[in-house]
Amino acid sequence: MIDGPDEFAVSTNDFRQRSSPGPLHFKRSGVKELALWWLAGMFNFLSNIEFSLGANVAHRRQPARRLYLRAMGIAHGRHVFIGPHFHVRCPANLTLGERCGIGSYARIWNYAPVKLGDDFLSAAGLTINSGGHDVSTMVPFSKPVSIGDRVWCGVNVTILAGVTIGDDVVIGAGSVVTEDLPSNVVAVGVPARVVRTIERDPEKYWRPRWA
């Protein structure tokens, strides 16, 4: 084990294993696993076509996208909506809650587990990175990212390793979240800072028509 900044430090070999680009390691893959990987790629391709042909309309569901998530081994709620060009570094480390909506060109670098709560919503360009390097030694490390329920991220939001975000949070466009955010706040900036508190009435909270 290589020394790192906290309990989530990992050895070089373990880091490489966690960083596998899919639910399998090609060197040890059998025919069944390779077939599953091929199917996942096909479903991903079909889901992008599905989106361009009309699934981007708010009331349309995404059967091809859900097949892609299942083939990749990504845990998710019954209802999800994901835009095209969606990238996940390690599918087994991702959990999507119920009614998650993720915009186009999302990038999730989940070397450690990443969990999105129910009713998560993001615009295009979301980046979540649960990995990093110690600034003194450049030793790689990974820390889990946990996002609560009813969190809304604007365009091009970045959330970094080790961050925990509470429920009912709004993160402004272009923000970089480097530290934990409490529940019921609006945060903006680089790095993101709380600018106000919010209160929500669960009875009035918006539910997408595709859910």
N, C-alpha and C. Protein backbone atom coordinates (compact mmCIF):
# COMPACT_ATOMS: atom_id res chain seq x y z
N MET A 1 0.85 -1.20 0.00
CA MET A 1 0.00 0.00 0.00
C MET A 1 0.87 1.24 0.00
N ILE A 2 0.56 2.19 -0.85
CA ILE A 2 1.29 3.44 -0.89
C ILE A 2 0.65 4.41 0.08
N ASP A 3 1.47 5.11 0.87
CA ASP A 3 0.94 6.09 1.80
C ASP A 3 0.23 7.19 1.04
N GLY A 4 -0.88 7.65 1.58
CA GLY A 4 -1.65 8.69 0.93
C GLY A 4 -2.24 9.62 1.95
N PRO A 5 -3.07 10.55 1.53
CA PRO A 5 -3.57 11.59 2.42
C PRO A 5 -4.63 11.13 3.41
N ASP A 6 -5.25 9.97 3.19
CA ASP A 6 -6.28 9.53 4.12
C ASP A 6 -6.55 8.06 3.91
N GLU A 7 -7.64 7.59 4.55
CA GLU A 7 -7.94 6.16 4.52
C GLU A 7 -8.35 5.66 3.15
N PHE A 8 -8.60 6.55 2.21
CA PHE A 8 -9.00 6.13 0.88
C PHE A 8 -7.81 6.05 -0.08
N ALA A 9 -6.59 6.22 0.46
CA ALA A 9 -5.42 6.06 -0.40
C ALA A 9 -5.37 4.62 -0.91
N VAL A 10 -4.87 4.43 -2.11
CA VAL A 10 -4.87 3.10 -2.71
C VAL A 10 -3.50 2.80 -3.27
N SER A 11 -3.20 1.50 -3.38
CA SER A 11 -1.96 1.11 -4.02
C SER A 11 -2.06 1.37 -5.52
N THR A 12 -0.91 1.41 -6.18
CA THR A 12 -0.91 1.66 -7.62
C THR A 12 -1.69 0.59 -8.36
N ASN A 13 -1.51 -0.68 -7.99
CA ASN A 13 -2.22 -1.76 -8.67
C ASN A 13 -3.72 -1.69 -8.41
N ASP A 14 -4.08 -1.39 -7.14
CA ASP A 14 -5.50 -1.29 -6.81
C ASP A 14 -6.15 -0.13 -7.55
N PHE A 15 -5.42 0.98 -7.67
CA PHE A 15 -5.94 2.14 -8.39
C PHE A 15 -6.22 1.78 -9.84
N ARG A 16 -5.32 1.01 -10.46
CA ARG A 16 -5.53 0.61 -11.84
C ARG A 16 -6.75 -0.29 -11.97
N GLN A 17 -6.94 -1.18 -10.98
CA GLN A 17 -8.09 -2.08 -11.04
C GLN A 17 -9.39 -1.30 -10.89
N ARG A 18 -9.42 -0.34 -9.96
CA ARG A 18 -10.62 0.47 -9.76
C ARG A 18 -10.91 1.32 -10.98
N SER A 19 -9.86 1.61 -11.75
CA SER A 19 -10.01 2.50 -12.89
C SER A 19 -10.36 1.78 -14.16
N SER A 20 -10.71 0.50 -14.06
CA SER A 20 -11.10 -0.25 -15.25
C SER A 20 -12.20 0.47 -16.00
N PRO A 21 -12.10 0.59 -17.34
CA PRO A 21 -13.09 1.36 -18.09
C PRO A 21 -14.45 0.70 -18.22
N GLY A 22 -14.63 -0.46 -17.66
CA GLY A 22 -15.92 -1.12 -17.78
C GLY A 22 -16.09 -2.16 -16.70
N PRO A 23 -17.14 -2.98 -16.77
CA PRO A 23 -17.43 -3.95 -15.73
C PRO A 23 -16.54 -5.18 -15.81
N LEU A 24 -15.49 -5.14 -16.61
CA LEU A 24 -14.63 -6.30 -16.77
C LEU A 24 -13.22 -5.85 -17.12
N HIS A 25 -12.26 -6.73 -16.92
CA HIS A 25 -10.88 -6.47 -17.31
C HIS A 25 -10.60 -7.32 -18.54
N PHE A 26 -10.20 -6.69 -19.63
CA PHE A 26 -10.10 -7.39 -20.91
C PHE A 26 -9.14 -8.57 -20.87
N LYS A 27 -8.05 -8.45 -20.12
CA LYS A 27 -7.05 -9.52 -20.13
C LYS A 27 -7.60 -10.82 -19.54
N ARG A 28 -8.60 -10.71 -18.67
CA ARG A 28 -9.15 -11.90 -18.02
C ARG A 28 -10.57 -12.17 -18.48
N SER A 29 -10.99 -11.56 -19.56
CA SER A 29 -12.37 -11.67 -20.00
C SER A 29 -12.61 -12.92 -20.82
N GLY A 30 -13.75 -13.57 -20.57
CA GLY A 30 -14.16 -14.68 -21.40
C GLY A 30 -15.11 -14.21 -22.49
N VAL A 31 -15.62 -15.15 -23.24
CA VAL A 31 -16.51 -14.82 -24.36
C VAL A 31 -17.77 -14.14 -23.85
N LYS A 32 -18.30 -14.63 -22.75
CA LYS A 32 -19.54 -14.07 -22.22
C LYS A 32 -19.35 -12.60 -21.83
N GLU A 33 -18.23 -12.30 -21.14
CA GLU A 33 -17.99 -10.94 -20.71
C GLU A 33 -17.75 -10.00 -21.88
N LEU A 34 -17.01 -10.49 -22.89
CA LEU A 34 -16.77 -9.66 -24.07
C LEU A 34 -18.07 -9.40 -24.83
N ALA A 35 -18.94 -10.40 -24.87
CA ALA A 35 -20.24 -10.22 -25.53
C ALA A 35 -21.07 -9.17 -24.79
N LEU A 36 -21.01 -9.20 -23.46
CA LEU A 36 -21.74 -8.21 -22.66
C LEU A 36 -21.20 -6.81 -22.91
N TRP A 37 -19.88 -6.69 -23.00
CA TRP A 37 -19.27 -5.40 -23.26
C TRP A 37 -19.68 -4.88 -24.65
N TRP A 38 -19.73 -5.78 -25.62
CA TRP A 38 -20.14 -5.39 -26.97
C TRP A 38 -21.59 -4.91 -26.97
N LEU A 39 -22.44 -5.62 -26.25
CA LEU A 39 -23.85 -5.22 -26.16
C LEU A 39 -23.98 -3.85 -25.52
N ALA A 40 -23.18 -3.59 -24.47
CA ALA A 40 -23.23 -2.29 -23.81
C ALA A 40 -22.87 -1.18 -24.79
N GLY A 41 -21.84 -1.41 -25.60
CA GLY A 41 -21.45 -0.42 -26.58
C GLY A 41 -22.54 -0.20 -27.62
N MET A 42 -23.22 -1.28 -28.04
CA MET A 42 -24.30 -1.16 -29.00
C MET A 42 -25.46 -0.37 -28.41
N PHE A 43 -25.83 -0.68 -27.15
CA PHE A 43 -26.93 0.04 -26.51
C PHE A 43 -26.58 1.51 -26.32
N ASN A 44 -25.32 1.81 -26.04
CA ASN A 44 -24.91 3.20 -25.90
C ASN A 44 -25.06 3.94 -27.23
N PHE A 45 -24.65 3.30 -28.31
CA PHE A 45 -24.80 3.89 -29.64
C PHE A 45 -26.27 4.12 -29.96
N LEU A 46 -27.11 3.12 -29.68
CA LEU A 46 -28.54 3.24 -29.94
C LEU A 46 -29.19 4.32 -29.08
N SER A 47 -28.71 4.48 -27.86
CA SER A 47 -29.30 5.49 -26.98
C SER A 47 -29.01 6.89 -27.48
N ASN A 48 -27.83 7.09 -28.10
CA ASN A 48 -27.54 8.40 -28.69
C ASN A 48 -28.46 8.69 -29.88
N ILE A 49 -28.71 7.65 -30.69
CA ILE A 49 -29.66 7.81 -31.80
C ILE A 49 -31.06 8.05 -31.25
N GLU A 50 -31.42 7.30 -30.24
CA GLU A 50 -32.73 7.45 -29.60
C GLU A 50 -32.95 8.89 -29.14
N PHE A 51 -31.92 9.49 -28.57
CA PHE A 51 -32.02 10.87 -28.09
C PHE A 51 -32.23 11.84 -29.26
N SER A 52 -31.45 11.65 -30.31
CA SER A 52 -31.54 12.58 -31.45
C SER A 52 -32.86 12.45 -32.20
N LEU A 53 -33.53 11.29 -32.09
CA LEU A 53 -34.79 11.06 -32.80
C LEU A 53 -36.02 11.46 -32.00
N GLY A 54 -35.80 12.01 -30.79
CA GLY A 54 -36.96 12.50 -30.08
C GLY A 54 -37.02 12.21 -28.60
N ALA A 55 -36.09 11.39 -28.07
CA ALA A 55 -36.13 11.11 -26.63
C ALA A 55 -35.71 12.32 -25.80
N ASN A 56 -35.19 13.37 -26.47
CA ASN A 56 -34.86 14.59 -25.73
C ASN A 56 -36.09 15.39 -25.35
N VAL A 57 -37.24 15.03 -25.90
CA VAL A 57 -38.49 15.65 -25.49
C VAL A 57 -38.80 15.22 -24.06
N ALA A 58 -39.24 16.15 -23.23
CA ALA A 58 -39.33 15.91 -21.79
C ALA A 58 -40.19 14.72 -21.39
N HIS A 59 -41.18 14.37 -22.21
CA HIS A 59 -42.09 13.30 -21.78
C HIS A 59 -41.68 11.93 -22.33
N ARG A 60 -40.60 11.85 -23.11
CA ARG A 60 -40.18 10.58 -23.70
C ARG A 60 -39.27 9.80 -22.76
N ARG A 61 -39.44 8.50 -22.73
CA ARG A 61 -38.55 7.64 -21.95
C ARG A 61 -37.43 7.11 -22.84
N GLN A 62 -36.46 6.43 -22.23
CA GLN A 62 -35.26 6.00 -22.94
C GLN A 62 -35.01 4.50 -22.72
N PRO A 63 -35.71 3.64 -23.43
CA PRO A 63 -35.49 2.20 -23.25
C PRO A 63 -34.07 1.75 -23.60
N ALA A 64 -33.48 2.31 -24.66
CA ALA A 64 -32.12 1.91 -25.04
C ALA A 64 -31.11 2.34 -23.99
N ARG A 65 -31.30 3.52 -23.43
CA ARG A 65 -30.38 3.98 -22.39
C ARG A 65 -30.45 3.09 -21.15
N ARG A 66 -31.65 2.67 -20.77
CA ARG A 66 -31.77 1.80 -19.61
C ARG A 66 -31.12 0.44 -19.88
N LEU A 67 -31.23 -0.07 -21.10
CA LEU A 67 -30.54 -1.31 -21.45
C LEU A 67 -29.03 -1.15 -21.35
N TYR A 68 -28.54 0.02 -21.77
CA TYR A 68 -27.11 0.31 -21.66
C TYR A 68 -26.67 0.29 -20.19
N LEU A 69 -27.43 0.95 -19.32
CA LEU A 69 -27.07 0.99 -17.91
C LEU A 69 -27.04 -0.41 -17.30
N ARG A 70 -28.02 -1.24 -17.67
CA ARG A 70 -28.06 -2.61 -17.14
C ARG A 70 -26.87 -3.42 -17.64
N ALA A 71 -26.55 -3.30 -18.94
CA ALA A 71 -25.44 -4.05 -19.50
C ALA A 71 -24.11 -3.65 -18.86
N MET A 72 -23.99 -2.39 -18.49
CA MET A 72 -22.76 -1.89 -17.87
C MET A 72 -22.70 -2.19 -16.38
N GLY A 73 -23.78 -2.66 -15.80
CA GLY A 73 -23.78 -2.96 -14.38
C GLY A 73 -23.91 -1.74 -13.50
N ILE A 74 -24.54 -0.67 -14.01
CA ILE A 74 -24.74 0.56 -13.24
C ILE A 74 -26.05 0.47 -12.47
N ALA A 75 -25.98 0.58 -11.15
CA ALA A 75 -27.19 0.54 -10.33
C ALA A 75 -27.98 1.83 -10.52
N HIS A 76 -29.29 1.71 -10.76
CA HIS A 76 -30.09 2.90 -11.01
C HIS A 76 -31.54 2.67 -10.61
N GLY A 77 -32.25 3.78 -10.39
CA GLY A 77 -33.67 3.72 -10.09
C GLY A 77 -34.46 3.33 -11.33
N ARG A 78 -35.75 3.18 -11.15
CA ARG A 78 -36.60 2.75 -12.25
C ARG A 78 -36.64 3.78 -13.37
N HIS A 79 -36.62 5.05 -13.03
CA HIS A 79 -36.74 6.12 -14.02
C HIS A 79 -35.45 6.93 -14.06
N VAL A 80 -34.81 6.99 -15.20
CA VAL A 80 -33.62 7.81 -15.40
C VAL A 80 -33.70 8.46 -16.78
N PHE A 81 -32.99 9.55 -16.93
CA PHE A 81 -32.93 10.24 -18.22
C PHE A 81 -31.51 10.78 -18.39
N ILE A 82 -30.81 10.34 -19.43
CA ILE A 82 -29.41 10.70 -19.63
C ILE A 82 -29.20 11.15 -21.07
N GLY A 83 -28.56 12.28 -21.23
CA GLY A 83 -28.27 12.82 -22.55
C GLY A 83 -27.17 12.05 -23.26
N PRO A 84 -26.91 12.38 -24.52
CA PRO A 84 -25.88 11.67 -25.30
C PRO A 84 -24.47 12.00 -24.81
N HIS A 85 -23.53 11.15 -25.27
CA HIS A 85 -22.11 11.33 -24.96
C HIS A 85 -21.85 11.27 -23.46
N PHE A 86 -22.45 10.27 -22.84
CA PHE A 86 -22.32 10.04 -21.40
C PHE A 86 -21.15 9.09 -21.15
N HIS A 87 -20.21 9.48 -20.29
CA HIS A 87 -19.03 8.65 -20.03
C HIS A 87 -18.90 8.33 -18.55
N VAL A 88 -18.69 7.04 -18.24
CA VAL A 88 -18.45 6.60 -16.87
C VAL A 88 -17.15 5.79 -16.85
N ARG A 89 -16.24 6.15 -15.96
CA ARG A 89 -14.94 5.47 -15.92
C ARG A 89 -15.05 4.06 -15.36
N CYS A 90 -15.79 3.89 -14.28
CA CYS A 90 -15.91 2.57 -13.65
C CYS A 90 -17.38 2.33 -13.29
N PRO A 91 -18.14 1.69 -14.18
CA PRO A 91 -19.59 1.56 -14.00
C PRO A 91 -20.01 0.97 -12.65
N ALA A 92 -19.25 0.00 -12.13
CA ALA A 92 -19.64 -0.65 -10.88
C ALA A 92 -19.60 0.32 -9.70
N ASN A 93 -18.93 1.44 -9.85
CA ASN A 93 -18.81 2.41 -8.76
C ASN A 93 -19.85 3.53 -8.85
N LEU A 94 -20.85 3.37 -9.70
CA LEU A 94 -21.85 4.43 -9.86
C LEU A 94 -23.23 3.95 -9.44
N THR A 95 -23.92 4.76 -8.65
CA THR A 95 -25.30 4.49 -8.24
C THR A 95 -26.16 5.71 -8.55
N LEU A 96 -27.23 5.49 -9.32
CA LEU A 96 -28.15 6.57 -9.68
C LEU A 96 -29.47 6.35 -8.96
N GLY A 97 -29.98 7.38 -8.29
CA GLY A 97 -31.24 7.26 -7.59
C GLY A 97 -32.43 7.31 -8.52
N GLU A 98 -33.61 7.38 -7.94
CA GLU A 98 -34.85 7.43 -8.72
C GLU A 98 -35.01 8.81 -9.36
N ARG A 99 -35.45 8.82 -10.63
CA ARG A 99 -35.71 10.04 -11.39
C ARG A 99 -34.46 10.92 -11.55
N CYS A 100 -33.32 10.31 -11.81
CA CYS A 100 -32.11 11.06 -12.10
C CYS A 100 -32.13 11.56 -13.54
N GLY A 101 -31.85 12.83 -13.73
CA GLY A 101 -31.77 13.40 -15.07
C GLY A 101 -30.41 14.04 -15.28
N ILE A 102 -29.65 13.53 -16.25
CA ILE A 102 -28.28 13.99 -16.49
C ILE A 102 -28.17 14.49 -17.92
N GLY A 103 -27.67 15.70 -18.10
CA GLY A 103 -27.57 16.31 -19.41
C GLY A 103 -26.46 15.73 -20.27
N SER A 104 -26.34 16.25 -21.47
CA SER A 104 -25.36 15.76 -22.45
C SER A 104 -23.93 16.02 -21.98
N TYR A 105 -23.02 15.19 -22.49
CA TYR A 105 -21.58 15.34 -22.26
C TYR A 105 -21.20 15.28 -20.78
N ALA A 106 -21.90 14.44 -20.02
CA ALA A 106 -21.51 14.23 -18.62
C ALA A 106 -20.32 13.30 -18.56
N ARG A 107 -19.40 13.58 -17.64
CA ARG A 107 -18.20 12.77 -17.43
C ARG A 107 -18.09 12.42 -15.95
N ILE A 108 -18.12 11.12 -15.66
CA ILE A 108 -18.03 10.68 -14.26
C ILE A 108 -16.79 9.80 -14.13
N TRP A 109 -15.78 10.35 -13.47
CA TRP A 109 -14.51 9.65 -13.24
C TRP A 109 -14.56 9.07 -11.83
N ASN A 110 -15.19 7.90 -11.71
CA ASN A 110 -15.52 7.36 -10.39
C ASN A 110 -14.54 6.26 -9.98
N TYR A 111 -13.31 6.67 -9.67
CA TYR A 111 -12.32 5.73 -9.16
C TYR A 111 -12.73 5.21 -7.78
N ALA A 112 -13.44 6.02 -7.02
CA ALA A 112 -14.13 5.62 -5.79
C ALA A 112 -15.62 5.75 -6.04
N PRO A 113 -16.46 5.16 -5.20
CA PRO A 113 -17.90 5.18 -5.45
C PRO A 113 -18.49 6.59 -5.56
N VAL A 114 -19.40 6.75 -6.51
CA VAL A 114 -20.15 7.99 -6.69
C VAL A 114 -21.63 7.64 -6.60
N LYS A 115 -22.35 8.35 -5.74
CA LYS A 115 -23.78 8.10 -5.54
C LYS A 115 -24.56 9.38 -5.76
N LEU A 116 -25.56 9.31 -6.65
CA LEU A 116 -26.47 10.42 -6.89
C LEU A 116 -27.83 10.08 -6.29
N GLY A 117 -28.40 10.99 -5.53
CA GLY A 117 -29.66 10.72 -4.86
C GLY A 117 -30.87 10.85 -5.79
N ASP A 118 -32.05 10.68 -5.21
CA ASP A 118 -33.29 10.79 -5.98
C ASP A 118 -33.49 12.22 -6.49
N ASP A 119 -34.12 12.32 -7.66
CA ASP A 119 -34.47 13.61 -8.27
C ASP A 119 -33.25 14.50 -8.53
N PHE A 120 -32.10 13.87 -8.77
CA PHE A 120 -30.92 14.63 -9.17
C PHE A 120 -31.13 15.16 -10.58
N LEU A 121 -30.71 16.39 -10.83
CA LEU A 121 -30.88 17.01 -12.13
C LEU A 121 -29.64 17.82 -12.48
N SER A 122 -29.09 17.60 -13.67
CA SER A 122 -27.95 18.40 -14.10
C SER A 122 -28.12 18.81 -15.55
N ALA A 123 -27.62 20.00 -15.87
CA ALA A 123 -27.55 20.45 -17.25
C ALA A 123 -26.33 19.80 -17.91
N ALA A 124 -26.03 20.23 -19.13
CA ALA A 124 -24.93 19.62 -19.88
C ALA A 124 -23.58 19.93 -19.24
N GLY A 125 -22.61 19.04 -19.50
CA GLY A 125 -21.23 19.28 -19.10
C GLY A 125 -20.90 18.97 -17.66
N LEU A 126 -21.70 18.16 -16.99
CA LEU A 126 -21.39 17.78 -15.61
C LEU A 126 -20.11 16.95 -15.56
N THR A 127 -19.23 17.26 -14.61
CA THR A 127 -18.04 16.45 -14.35
C THR A 127 -17.98 16.10 -12.88
N ILE A 128 -17.88 14.81 -12.58
CA ILE A 128 -17.66 14.34 -11.21
C ILE A 128 -16.38 13.52 -11.21
N ASN A 129 -15.41 13.89 -10.39
CA ASN A 129 -14.13 13.20 -10.36
C ASN A 129 -13.81 12.79 -8.92
N SER A 130 -13.84 11.49 -8.66
CA SER A 130 -13.57 11.01 -7.30
C SER A 130 -12.11 10.62 -7.10
N GLY A 131 -11.25 10.94 -8.07
CA GLY A 131 -9.83 10.65 -7.95
C GLY A 131 -9.02 11.92 -7.91
N GLY A 132 -7.77 11.78 -7.52
CA GLY A 132 -6.87 12.93 -7.48
C GLY A 132 -5.45 12.48 -7.19
N HIS A 133 -4.58 13.45 -6.96
CA HIS A 133 -3.18 13.18 -6.62
C HIS A 133 -2.78 14.06 -5.45
N ASP A 134 -2.02 13.50 -4.52
CA ASP A 134 -1.48 14.29 -3.42
C ASP A 134 -0.58 15.38 -3.99
N VAL A 135 -0.77 16.63 -3.55
CA VAL A 135 -0.05 17.74 -4.16
C VAL A 135 1.44 17.70 -3.87
N SER A 136 1.84 17.02 -2.79
CA SER A 136 3.26 16.97 -2.44
C SER A 136 3.98 15.82 -3.11
N THR A 137 3.32 14.66 -3.16
CA THR A 137 3.99 13.44 -3.65
C THR A 137 3.47 12.97 -5.01
N MET A 138 2.34 13.51 -5.45
CA MET A 138 1.66 13.08 -6.68
C MET A 138 1.16 11.64 -6.60
N VAL A 139 1.10 11.08 -5.40
CA VAL A 139 0.53 9.74 -5.21
C VAL A 139 -0.97 9.79 -5.50
N PRO A 140 -1.49 8.88 -6.34
CA PRO A 140 -2.92 8.90 -6.63
C PRO A 140 -3.76 8.46 -5.44
N PHE A 141 -4.94 9.02 -5.31
CA PHE A 141 -5.87 8.61 -4.26
C PHE A 141 -7.29 8.74 -4.81
N SER A 142 -8.23 8.14 -4.12
CA SER A 142 -9.63 8.27 -4.49
C SER A 142 -10.48 8.42 -3.24
N LYS A 143 -11.54 9.23 -3.36
CA LYS A 143 -12.45 9.47 -2.25
C LYS A 143 -13.89 9.45 -2.79
N PRO A 144 -14.81 8.82 -2.07
CA PRO A 144 -16.20 8.75 -2.54
C PRO A 144 -16.85 10.13 -2.66
N VAL A 145 -17.80 10.23 -3.58
CA VAL A 145 -18.62 11.42 -3.74
C VAL A 145 -20.07 11.03 -3.50
N SER A 146 -20.73 11.76 -2.63
CA SER A 146 -22.12 11.47 -2.29
C SER A 146 -22.97 12.72 -2.47
N ILE A 147 -24.02 12.60 -3.28
CA ILE A 147 -24.90 13.73 -3.57
C ILE A 147 -26.32 13.36 -3.13
N GLY A 148 -26.95 14.25 -2.38
CA GLY A 148 -28.25 13.96 -1.80
C GLY A 148 -29.41 14.05 -2.77
N ASP A 149 -30.61 14.12 -2.24
CA ASP A 149 -31.83 14.17 -3.04
C ASP A 149 -32.13 15.61 -3.48
N ARG A 150 -32.75 15.72 -4.65
CA ARG A 150 -33.24 16.99 -5.18
C ARG A 150 -32.12 18.02 -5.32
N VAL A 151 -31.02 17.58 -5.88
CA VAL A 151 -29.89 18.48 -6.16
C VAL A 151 -29.90 18.85 -7.63
N TRP A 152 -29.75 20.13 -7.91
CA TRP A 152 -29.75 20.64 -9.28
C TRP A 152 -28.40 21.28 -9.58
N CYS A 153 -27.75 20.81 -10.65
CA CYS A 153 -26.46 21.36 -11.09
C CYS A 153 -26.64 22.09 -12.42
N GLY A 154 -26.17 23.32 -12.50
CA GLY A 154 -26.24 24.06 -13.75
C GLY A 154 -25.22 23.57 -14.77
N VAL A 155 -25.09 24.30 -15.86
CA VAL A 155 -24.18 23.91 -16.94
C VAL A 155 -22.73 23.91 -16.46
N ASN A 156 -22.00 22.85 -16.85
CA ASN A 156 -20.55 22.76 -16.62
C ASN A 156 -20.15 22.84 -15.15
N VAL A 157 -20.90 22.17 -14.30
CA VAL A 157 -20.53 22.05 -12.89
C VAL A 157 -19.51 20.93 -12.73
N THR A 158 -18.52 21.16 -11.86
CA THR A 158 -17.52 20.15 -11.54
C THR A 158 -17.57 19.85 -10.05
N ILE A 159 -17.60 18.56 -9.71
CA ILE A 159 -17.63 18.12 -8.30
C ILE A 159 -16.43 17.21 -8.09
N LEU A 160 -15.61 17.53 -7.09
CA LEU A 160 -14.33 16.84 -6.92
C LEU A 160 -14.36 15.81 -5.79
N ALA A 161 -13.28 15.06 -5.68
CA ALA A 161 -13.18 13.90 -4.80
C ALA A 161 -13.46 14.25 -3.34
N GLY A 162 -14.18 13.35 -2.68
CA GLY A 162 -14.43 13.47 -1.26
C GLY A 162 -15.58 14.36 -0.87
N VAL A 163 -16.27 14.95 -1.84
CA VAL A 163 -17.34 15.91 -1.54
C VAL A 163 -18.64 15.19 -1.17
N THR A 164 -19.30 15.69 -0.16
CA THR A 164 -20.65 15.25 0.20
C THR A 164 -21.58 16.46 0.09
N ILE A 165 -22.66 16.29 -0.65
CA ILE A 165 -23.63 17.37 -0.85
C ILE A 165 -24.96 16.94 -0.25
N GLY A 166 -25.58 17.81 0.51
CA GLY A 166 -26.83 17.47 1.17
C GLY A 166 -28.02 17.47 0.24
N ASP A 167 -29.22 17.46 0.81
CA ASP A 167 -30.45 17.47 0.04
C ASP A 167 -30.85 18.92 -0.31
N ASP A 168 -31.62 19.05 -1.39
CA ASP A 168 -32.20 20.34 -1.78
C ASP A 168 -31.11 21.41 -1.95
N VAL A 169 -30.18 21.13 -2.83
CA VAL A 169 -29.06 22.03 -3.10
C VAL A 169 -29.09 22.44 -4.57
N VAL A 170 -28.80 23.70 -4.85
CA VAL A 170 -28.65 24.21 -6.21
C VAL A 170 -27.21 24.68 -6.37
N ILE A 171 -26.55 24.21 -7.45
CA ILE A 171 -25.16 24.58 -7.72
C ILE A 171 -25.13 25.35 -9.04
N GLY A 172 -24.65 26.58 -9.00
CA GLY A 172 -24.69 27.46 -10.16
C GLY A 172 -23.78 27.02 -11.28
N ALA A 173 -24.11 27.47 -12.49
CA ALA A 173 -23.36 27.11 -13.70
C ALA A 173 -21.88 27.47 -13.55
N GLY A 174 -21.02 26.55 -14.00
CA GLY A 174 -19.59 26.78 -13.99
C GLY A 174 -18.91 26.63 -12.65
N SER A 175 -19.64 26.25 -11.63
CA SER A 175 -19.06 26.14 -10.29
C SER A 175 -18.17 24.91 -10.16
N VAL A 176 -17.20 25.00 -9.26
CA VAL A 176 -16.32 23.87 -8.93
C VAL A 176 -16.48 23.59 -7.45
N VAL A 177 -17.03 22.44 -7.12
CA VAL A 177 -17.31 22.09 -5.73
C VAL A 177 -16.13 21.29 -5.18
N THR A 178 -15.42 21.88 -4.22
CA THR A 178 -14.24 21.25 -3.64
C THR A 178 -14.45 20.82 -2.20
N GLU A 179 -15.51 21.31 -1.56
CA GLU A 179 -15.80 20.99 -0.17
C GLU A 179 -17.28 20.64 -0.01
N ASP A 180 -17.60 20.03 1.13
CA ASP A 180 -18.97 19.61 1.40
C ASP A 180 -19.93 20.81 1.38
N LEU A 181 -21.16 20.55 0.95
CA LEU A 181 -22.22 21.55 0.98
C LEU A 181 -23.36 21.03 1.84
N PRO A 182 -23.91 21.85 2.73
CA PRO A 182 -25.04 21.41 3.56
C PRO A 182 -26.33 21.39 2.77
N SER A 183 -27.37 20.89 3.37
CA SER A 183 -28.68 20.87 2.73
C SER A 183 -29.28 22.27 2.66
N ASN A 184 -30.21 22.43 1.70
CA ASN A 184 -31.03 23.65 1.59
C ASN A 184 -30.21 24.91 1.34
N VAL A 185 -29.29 24.84 0.36
CA VAL A 185 -28.49 26.02 0.04
C VAL A 185 -28.34 26.16 -1.47
N VAL A 186 -27.98 27.38 -1.89
CA VAL A 186 -27.53 27.67 -3.24
C VAL A 186 -26.04 28.00 -3.15
N ALA A 187 -25.22 27.35 -3.99
CA ALA A 187 -23.78 27.56 -3.98
C ALA A 187 -23.31 27.89 -5.39
N VAL A 188 -22.41 28.85 -5.51
CA VAL A 188 -21.88 29.24 -6.81
C VAL A 188 -20.41 29.59 -6.67
N GLY A 189 -19.69 29.56 -7.80
CA GLY A 189 -18.34 30.08 -7.82
C GLY A 189 -17.26 29.03 -7.94
N VAL A 190 -16.02 29.51 -8.02
CA VAL A 190 -14.83 28.67 -8.10
C VAL A 190 -13.85 29.14 -7.03
N PRO A 191 -13.72 28.42 -5.92
CA PRO A 191 -14.53 27.24 -5.56
C PRO A 191 -15.94 27.65 -5.12
N ALA A 192 -16.86 26.70 -5.15
CA ALA A 192 -18.26 26.99 -4.83
C ALA A 192 -18.41 27.41 -3.38
N ARG A 193 -19.18 28.48 -3.18
CA ARG A 193 -19.47 28.98 -1.83
C ARG A 193 -20.98 29.18 -1.70
N VAL A 194 -21.50 28.96 -0.50
CA VAL A 194 -22.93 29.15 -0.24
C VAL A 194 -23.26 30.63 -0.29
N VAL A 195 -24.30 30.97 -1.08
CA VAL A 195 -24.70 32.38 -1.21
C VAL A 195 -26.07 32.65 -0.60
N ARG A 196 -26.86 31.60 -0.40
CA ARG A 196 -28.16 31.79 0.22
C ARG A 196 -28.73 30.44 0.62
N THR A 197 -29.76 30.47 1.45
CA THR A 197 -30.48 29.25 1.81
C THR A 197 -31.79 29.21 1.03
N ILE A 198 -32.35 28.01 0.91
CA ILE A 198 -33.62 27.85 0.21
C ILE A 198 -34.53 26.94 1.02
N GLU A 199 -35.83 27.10 0.81
CA GLU A 199 -36.82 26.22 1.39
C GLU A 199 -37.71 25.70 0.27
N ARG A 200 -38.00 24.41 0.30
CA ARG A 200 -38.83 23.81 -0.73
C ARG A 200 -40.04 23.13 -0.12
N ASP A 201 -41.13 23.19 -0.84
CA ASP A 201 -42.34 22.49 -0.46
C ASP A 201 -42.40 21.19 -1.26
N PRO A 202 -42.25 20.04 -0.59
CA PRO A 202 -42.27 18.76 -1.32
C PRO A 202 -43.50 18.57 -2.18
N GLU A 203 -44.62 19.17 -1.80
CA GLU A 203 -45.85 19.02 -2.56
C GLU A 203 -45.80 19.75 -3.90
N LYS A 204 -44.94 20.75 -4.00
CA LYS A 204 -44.85 21.55 -5.22
C LYS A 204 -43.62 21.21 -6.06
N TYR A 205 -42.84 20.24 -5.61
CA TYR A 205 -41.59 19.94 -6.32
C TYR A 205 -41.90 19.31 -7.69
N TRP A 206 -41.22 19.77 -8.71
CA TRP A 206 -41.44 19.31 -10.08
C TRP A 206 -41.05 17.85 -10.27
N ARG A 207 -41.88 17.12 -11.00
CA ARG A 207 -41.57 15.75 -11.37
C ARG A 207 -41.60 15.66 -12.89
N PRO A 208 -40.56 15.15 -13.52
CA PRO A 208 -40.52 15.06 -14.98
C PRO A 208 -41.57 14.10 -15.51
N ARG A 209 -42.05 14.36 -16.72
CA ARG A 209 -43.09 13.52 -17.31
C ARG A 209 -42.56 12.16 -17.74
N TRP A 210 -41.21 12.02 -17.89
CA TRP A 210 -40.67 10.72 -18.26
C TRP A 210 -40.54 9.80 -17.05
N ALA A 211 -40.80 10.30 -15.86
CA ALA A 211 -40.68 9.47 -14.65
C ALA A 211 -41.98 8.71 -14.40
